[in-house]
Amino acid sequence: MAVTISIGSGKGGTGKTMFLCNLAMLLAKRGRKVCLVDLDIGGADAHLQFGLFEPKHSITDFLSKKVNCLGDVLHTFHSLNGLQIIPGTGNTLQTANMTYQEKQRLLREVAALDVDVVLIDVGAGTAYHTLDFFMFSDIQICVILPEPPSILDFYNFIQLATIRKILRSFLSHSEVGQVLKQHTFPTLAAIFELAEKTQEGAREKAQDALRYFHPLLVINRDSSHTAINKTKLKQLVAKYLGIETPSLGEIPEDVMVKDAQKAYRPVCEIFPETPASMAMVKISSKVDKIIELFNHQRNNSDK
C-alpha cells in the first residue's frame, strides 16, 4: 500500500509545486516507486516543471470517464528513475464543482495506485476540495515563505484544515456537525468545548480526529535577512491549535531555481550542486526516513 503525502500552502507563490516536483524526483532517485498526483484544481501545472507541455491525458479525462481508471492517465519519466505523474485538470465547471461522489471516487483511485509513494499537490487556498485533499493523506507537508503574510496564510490554512477534519469526523447532518458549522472558533479548544456541550463524548471523538495530525513544515526562500521566528511560530500553532509542526528544513534563496524553471526542469536535476538543491536533498532524506518509519508502524499495526 502506498504512503500518501500531501503538500499544501496557505496561498500561491510559496514555491510549493517546485518543492513537490523536486522531492518526487529525489525520492525516485532513492529507489522509491513514486507517483506525483496534481490535484491543484484550476491551477494544475506540475507537469510543466518536467517539460511535459501537452500530456495525452489528465484527471479531467478520469472525472469525465473518458478513461476507465486513474492509471490510464499516468505518464512515466524513464529518464528520472521511472517517476510517474498524473497531470491535473484545468478549471472546468465539472472539476470546480466536483461532487462528493466524484471526489471520493478520485481519492479511492489515488489510494489504490501501485507505487511506494504518492505525492499530492493539493493547490493553494482554503476551498473545501483543497482542505479535503490535504487531510486525506497519511503525511502532510506545508511550504511557507519567511514573511508575515505567508505565516498568517499558513496559520489560517492549518486552522481551517483542522476544523474541516473535525467536522468530517461527525456526520454532516448530526447534531454536533450542524452546531459546529454555524460557529467560528478562535482555538481548537473552543471547538472541543462546544462539541462536548452539544453531545457528551463528542470532545474525545473530535480530539481523536487530530491524534495523528502533525503537519511538517518547509520554509522556502530562506535567507539571513529574514525575520521569521520559527520557535515563535511553532509555539503559536501549538497554543491555539494544539498540534505540533515539526520542521523538515529550510530551502535558501537561490537564483538557480528560477533558471531551472525557465528550462522546465527540476533544479535538483540540472543544478544539483546549487544551495537550494542540496537543501532539498537533505529534506528528501528526512522524508525517506519518515516513509520508512510510517511503513514500519503500519506493518506492526496490521499484525
Protein backbone atom coordinates (compact mmCIF):
# COMPACT_ATOMS: atom_id res chain seq x y z
CA MET A 1 0.00 0.00 0.00
CA ALA A 2 1.33 3.42 -0.97
CA VAL A 3 2.23 6.07 1.58
CA THR A 4 0.37 9.24 0.61
CA ILE A 5 1.96 12.64 1.22
CA SER A 6 0.12 15.90 0.53
CA ILE A 7 1.87 19.24 0.06
CA GLY A 8 -0.10 22.42 0.69
CA SER A 9 0.27 26.10 1.49
CA GLY A 10 -1.95 28.94 2.61
CA LYS A 11 -1.75 30.77 -0.72
CA GLY A 12 0.09 30.55 -4.01
CA GLY A 13 3.61 31.78 -4.63
CA THR A 14 5.40 29.83 -1.89
CA GLY A 15 7.23 27.51 -4.27
CA LYS A 16 5.10 24.54 -3.22
CA THR A 17 4.94 22.93 -6.66
CA MET A 18 8.66 23.48 -7.25
CA PHE A 19 9.42 21.73 -3.96
CA LEU A 20 6.96 18.94 -4.68
CA CYS A 21 8.43 18.15 -8.10
CA ASN A 22 11.99 18.10 -6.81
CA LEU A 23 11.01 15.95 -3.83
CA ALA A 24 9.29 13.48 -6.17
CA MET A 25 12.39 13.28 -8.36
CA LEU A 26 14.72 12.82 -5.38
CA LEU A 27 12.60 10.08 -3.78
CA ALA A 28 12.53 8.26 -7.12
CA LYS A 29 16.30 8.59 -7.27
CA ARG A 30 16.47 6.92 -3.84
CA GLY A 31 14.76 3.87 -5.31
CA ARG A 32 11.16 4.61 -4.34
CA LYS A 33 8.42 4.00 -6.86
CA VAL A 34 6.86 7.47 -6.89
CA CYS A 35 3.75 8.96 -8.43
CA LEU A 36 3.02 12.68 -8.33
CA VAL A 37 -0.71 13.48 -8.48
CA ASP A 38 -1.62 17.06 -9.34
CA LEU A 39 -4.87 17.86 -7.52
CA ASP A 40 -4.42 21.62 -7.81
CA ILE A 41 -7.92 22.19 -9.19
CA GLY A 42 -7.84 25.01 -11.72
CA GLY A 43 -4.11 25.67 -11.37
CA ALA A 44 -2.52 22.36 -12.27
CA ASP A 45 0.95 22.92 -13.71
CA ALA A 46 3.26 20.35 -12.11
CA HIS A 47 3.72 18.65 -15.49
CA LEU A 48 5.29 21.83 -16.86
CA GLN A 49 8.09 21.54 -14.29
CA PHE A 50 9.22 18.45 -16.21
CA GLY A 51 8.80 19.90 -19.70
CA LEU A 52 5.59 17.97 -20.33
CA PHE A 53 3.56 20.60 -22.20
CA GLU A 54 0.77 18.53 -23.72
CA PRO A 55 0.02 15.41 -21.67
CA LYS A 56 -2.04 12.82 -23.50
CA HIS A 57 -4.50 12.52 -20.61
CA SER A 58 -5.32 14.39 -17.42
CA ILE A 59 -7.53 13.97 -14.38
CA THR A 60 -10.31 15.65 -16.37
CA ASP A 61 -10.42 12.55 -18.58
CA PHE A 62 -10.83 10.37 -15.50
CA LEU A 63 -13.57 12.54 -13.98
CA SER A 64 -15.47 12.68 -17.28
CA LYS A 65 -14.98 8.87 -17.65
CA LYS A 66 -13.13 9.16 -20.94
CA VAL A 67 -10.64 6.72 -19.37
CA ASN A 68 -11.56 3.80 -17.15
CA CYS A 69 -9.17 4.33 -14.25
CA LEU A 70 -6.65 6.83 -12.93
CA GLY A 71 -3.81 4.56 -14.01
CA ASP A 72 -4.73 5.33 -17.61
CA VAL A 73 -3.70 8.95 -17.00
CA LEU A 74 -0.18 8.05 -15.84
CA HIS A 75 2.87 9.48 -17.61
CA THR A 76 6.26 7.94 -16.81
CA PHE A 77 9.57 9.81 -16.95
CA HIS A 78 12.01 6.98 -17.65
CA SER A 79 14.98 9.37 -17.52
CA LEU A 80 14.02 10.30 -13.93
CA ASN A 81 14.19 6.81 -12.43
CA GLY A 82 10.68 5.94 -13.54
CA LEU A 83 8.98 8.85 -11.79
CA GLN A 84 5.28 8.89 -12.66
CA ILE A 85 2.94 11.86 -12.85
CA ILE A 86 -0.82 12.19 -13.15
CA PRO A 87 -1.36 15.62 -14.74
CA GLY A 88 -4.04 17.76 -13.15
CA THR A 89 -7.10 19.33 -14.57
CA GLY A 90 -7.97 22.76 -15.84
CA ASN A 91 -10.61 24.89 -14.17
CA THR A 92 -13.64 23.36 -15.87
CA LEU A 93 -17.15 23.58 -14.43
CA GLN A 94 -17.12 19.84 -13.79
CA THR A 95 -13.93 19.86 -11.75
CA ALA A 96 -14.57 23.14 -9.95
CA ASN A 97 -17.96 21.77 -8.84
CA MET A 98 -16.84 18.20 -8.22
CA THR A 99 -19.49 16.26 -6.33
CA TYR A 100 -18.80 14.36 -3.12
CA GLN A 101 -19.16 11.07 -5.02
CA GLU A 102 -16.71 12.18 -7.72
CA LYS A 103 -14.20 13.30 -5.10
CA GLN A 104 -14.45 10.00 -3.24
CA ARG A 105 -14.03 8.06 -6.49
CA LEU A 106 -10.93 10.10 -7.28
CA LEU A 107 -9.40 9.61 -3.83
CA ARG A 108 -10.08 5.85 -3.88
CA GLU A 109 -8.15 5.60 -7.13
CA VAL A 110 -5.30 7.70 -5.73
CA ALA A 111 -5.03 5.43 -2.68
CA ALA A 112 -5.02 2.33 -4.91
CA LEU A 113 -2.09 3.41 -7.12
CA ASP A 114 0.52 0.64 -7.34
CA VAL A 115 3.51 2.65 -6.10
CA ASP A 116 5.52 3.16 -2.91
CA VAL A 117 4.78 6.86 -2.51
CA VAL A 118 2.04 9.15 -3.78
CA LEU A 119 2.86 12.86 -3.62
CA ILE A 120 -0.21 15.08 -3.89
CA ASP A 121 -0.21 18.73 -4.91
CA VAL A 122 -3.40 19.97 -3.26
CA GLY A 123 -3.23 23.51 -4.57
CA ALA A 124 -3.26 26.68 -2.52
CA GLY A 125 -6.07 28.33 -0.62
CA THR A 126 -8.78 27.05 1.69
CA ALA A 127 -11.51 25.69 -0.60
CA TYR A 128 -13.20 22.51 0.63
CA HIS A 129 -11.58 20.42 -2.11
CA THR A 130 -8.13 21.71 -1.14
CA LEU A 131 -8.62 21.05 2.57
CA ASP A 132 -10.05 17.58 1.95
CA PHE A 133 -7.20 16.60 -0.39
CA PHE A 134 -4.68 17.87 2.16
CA MET A 135 -6.21 15.97 5.09
CA PHE A 136 -6.75 12.79 3.03
CA SER A 137 -3.09 11.79 3.08
CA ASP A 138 -1.04 9.84 5.60
CA ILE A 139 1.55 12.63 5.92
CA GLN A 140 1.08 16.38 5.38
CA ILE A 141 3.73 18.97 4.45
CA CYS A 142 3.27 22.75 4.34
CA VAL A 143 5.55 25.09 2.39
CA ILE A 144 5.73 28.71 3.54
CA LEU A 145 7.83 31.81 2.92
CA PRO A 146 9.66 33.55 5.78
CA GLU A 147 7.35 36.55 5.58
CA PRO A 148 4.50 37.66 7.90
CA PRO A 149 1.71 37.37 5.24
CA SER A 150 2.79 33.82 4.36
CA ILE A 151 2.93 32.85 8.03
CA LEU A 152 -0.57 34.20 8.58
CA ASP A 153 -1.82 32.32 5.50
CA PHE A 154 -0.21 29.13 6.84
CA TYR A 155 -1.83 29.57 10.24
CA ASN A 156 -5.26 30.16 8.69
CA PHE A 157 -4.81 27.19 6.39
CA ILE A 158 -3.91 24.82 9.22
CA GLN A 159 -6.71 26.17 11.38
CA LEU A 160 -9.34 25.58 8.68
CA ALA A 161 -7.84 22.18 7.81
CA THR A 162 -8.12 21.03 11.41
CA ILE A 163 -11.68 22.32 11.71
CA ARG A 164 -12.59 20.59 8.44
CA LYS A 165 -11.01 17.36 9.73
CA ILE A 166 -13.06 17.55 12.93
CA LEU A 167 -16.28 18.31 11.06
CA ARG A 168 -15.68 15.32 8.77
CA SER A 169 -15.40 13.07 11.83
CA PHE A 170 -19.08 13.80 12.53
CA LEU A 171 -21.92 13.17 10.10
CA SER A 172 -22.80 16.45 8.40
CA HIS A 173 -26.45 16.09 9.41
CA SER A 174 -25.67 15.10 13.00
CA GLU A 175 -26.48 17.48 15.83
CA VAL A 176 -22.80 18.14 16.59
CA GLY A 177 -21.97 18.64 12.91
CA GLN A 178 -24.78 21.12 12.41
CA VAL A 179 -23.85 23.14 15.51
CA LEU A 180 -20.13 23.31 14.66
CA LYS A 181 -20.87 24.52 11.12
CA GLN A 182 -22.70 27.56 12.48
CA HIS A 183 -19.79 28.95 14.52
CA THR A 184 -16.30 30.36 14.12
CA PHE A 185 -13.65 29.40 16.64
CA PRO A 186 -10.58 31.24 17.99
CA THR A 187 -8.96 27.96 19.11
CA LEU A 188 -9.47 24.24 18.75
CA ALA A 189 -10.19 24.10 22.48
CA ALA A 190 -13.33 26.12 21.77
CA ILE A 191 -14.42 23.51 19.22
CA PHE A 192 -13.88 20.69 21.69
CA GLU A 193 -15.81 22.57 24.36
CA LEU A 194 -18.83 23.29 22.14
CA ALA A 195 -18.84 19.74 20.78
CA GLU A 196 -18.95 18.33 24.30
CA LYS A 197 -21.73 20.74 25.33
CA THR A 198 -23.75 19.60 22.33
CA GLN A 199 -23.23 15.89 22.87
CA GLU A 200 -21.48 14.01 25.65
CA GLY A 201 -18.40 12.21 24.37
CA ALA A 202 -18.03 14.44 21.30
CA ARG A 203 -14.85 16.06 22.69
CA GLU A 204 -13.00 12.75 22.65
CA LYS A 205 -14.16 11.98 19.10
CA ALA A 206 -13.04 15.43 17.89
CA GLN A 207 -9.65 15.10 19.58
CA ASP A 208 -9.20 11.62 18.15
CA ALA A 209 -9.66 13.01 14.62
CA LEU A 210 -6.46 15.04 15.08
CA ARG A 211 -4.45 12.49 17.04
CA TYR A 212 -2.00 11.79 14.22
CA PHE A 213 -2.10 15.19 12.54
CA HIS A 214 1.36 16.78 12.76
CA PRO A 215 1.99 18.72 9.54
CA LEU A 216 5.65 19.05 8.61
CA LEU A 217 6.99 22.49 7.79
CA VAL A 218 9.31 23.59 4.98
CA ILE A 219 10.45 27.21 4.79
CA ASN A 220 11.31 28.22 1.23
CA ARG A 221 13.49 31.11 0.04
CA ASP A 222 15.09 31.44 3.44
CA SER A 223 17.96 33.90 3.94
CA SER A 224 19.97 35.58 6.67
CA HIS A 225 17.81 38.70 6.21
CA THR A 226 14.51 37.04 7.06
CA ALA A 227 12.99 37.88 10.39
CA ILE A 228 10.85 34.78 10.87
CA ASN A 229 10.92 33.35 14.37
CA LYS A 230 10.50 29.62 13.82
CA THR A 231 10.19 28.85 17.52
CA LYS A 232 7.51 31.50 17.99
CA LEU A 233 5.57 30.17 15.01
CA LYS A 234 5.55 26.63 16.41
CA GLN A 235 4.52 27.92 19.83
CA LEU A 236 1.66 29.86 18.25
CA VAL A 237 0.35 26.82 16.41
CA ALA A 238 0.74 24.60 19.48
CA LYS A 239 -1.05 27.11 21.73
CA TYR A 240 -4.04 27.91 19.55
CA LEU A 241 -4.37 24.72 17.51
CA GLY A 242 -2.98 22.19 19.93
CA ILE A 243 -0.79 20.44 17.33
CA GLU A 244 2.93 20.14 16.72
CA THR A 245 4.52 21.28 13.44
CA PRO A 246 7.92 19.56 13.13
CA SER A 247 10.40 21.24 10.81
CA LEU A 248 11.70 19.43 7.73
CA GLY A 249 14.17 22.19 6.91
CA GLU A 250 14.78 25.43 5.06
CA ILE A 251 15.44 25.98 1.37
CA PRO A 252 17.69 29.01 0.84
CA GLU A 253 17.02 31.83 -1.62
CA ASP A 254 18.68 30.68 -4.84
CA VAL A 255 18.63 32.33 -8.29
CA MET A 256 19.25 28.97 -9.96
CA VAL A 257 15.73 27.85 -9.04
CA LYS A 258 14.28 30.38 -11.48
CA ASP A 259 16.78 29.36 -14.14
CA ALA A 260 15.67 25.75 -13.76
CA GLN A 261 12.02 26.75 -14.02
CA LYS A 262 12.75 28.68 -17.19
CA ALA A 263 14.32 25.48 -18.55
CA TYR A 264 11.23 23.50 -17.45
CA ARG A 265 13.34 21.08 -15.40
CA PRO A 266 13.69 20.39 -11.65
CA VAL A 267 16.56 22.37 -10.19
CA CYS A 268 17.89 19.24 -8.46
CA GLU A 269 18.26 17.60 -11.87
CA ILE A 270 20.14 20.28 -13.80
CA PHE A 271 21.82 22.20 -10.96
CA PRO A 272 22.45 19.53 -8.28
CA GLU A 273 25.25 21.46 -6.53
CA THR A 274 23.31 24.68 -6.01
CA PRO A 275 22.33 25.57 -2.39
CA ALA A 276 18.60 25.03 -2.94
CA SER A 277 19.21 21.62 -4.47
CA MET A 278 21.47 20.48 -1.64
CA ALA A 279 18.91 21.65 0.92
CA MET A 280 16.18 19.66 -0.82
CA VAL A 281 18.40 16.58 -0.92
CA LYS A 282 18.65 16.79 2.89
CA ILE A 283 14.90 17.25 3.20
CA SER A 284 14.25 14.29 0.88
CA SER A 285 16.48 12.16 3.12
CA LYS A 286 14.32 13.09 6.12
CA VAL A 287 11.11 12.36 4.19
CA ASP A 288 12.52 9.00 3.10
CA LYS A 289 13.15 8.07 6.75
CA ILE A 290 9.65 9.22 7.72
CA ILE A 291 8.20 6.99 4.99
CA GLU A 292 10.23 4.07 6.32
CA LEU A 293 9.01 4.73 9.86
CA PHE A 294 5.41 5.05 8.71
CA ASN A 295 5.58 1.74 6.84
CA HIS A 296 7.13 0.05 9.88
CA GLN A 297 4.37 1.30 12.18
CA ARG A 298 1.66 0.36 9.68
CA ASN A 299 3.05 -3.15 9.26
CA ASN A 300 3.19 -3.63 13.04
CA SER A 301 -0.41 -2.43 13.48
CA ASP A 302 -1.56 -4.94 10.83
CA LYS A 303 -0.10 -7.89 12.75
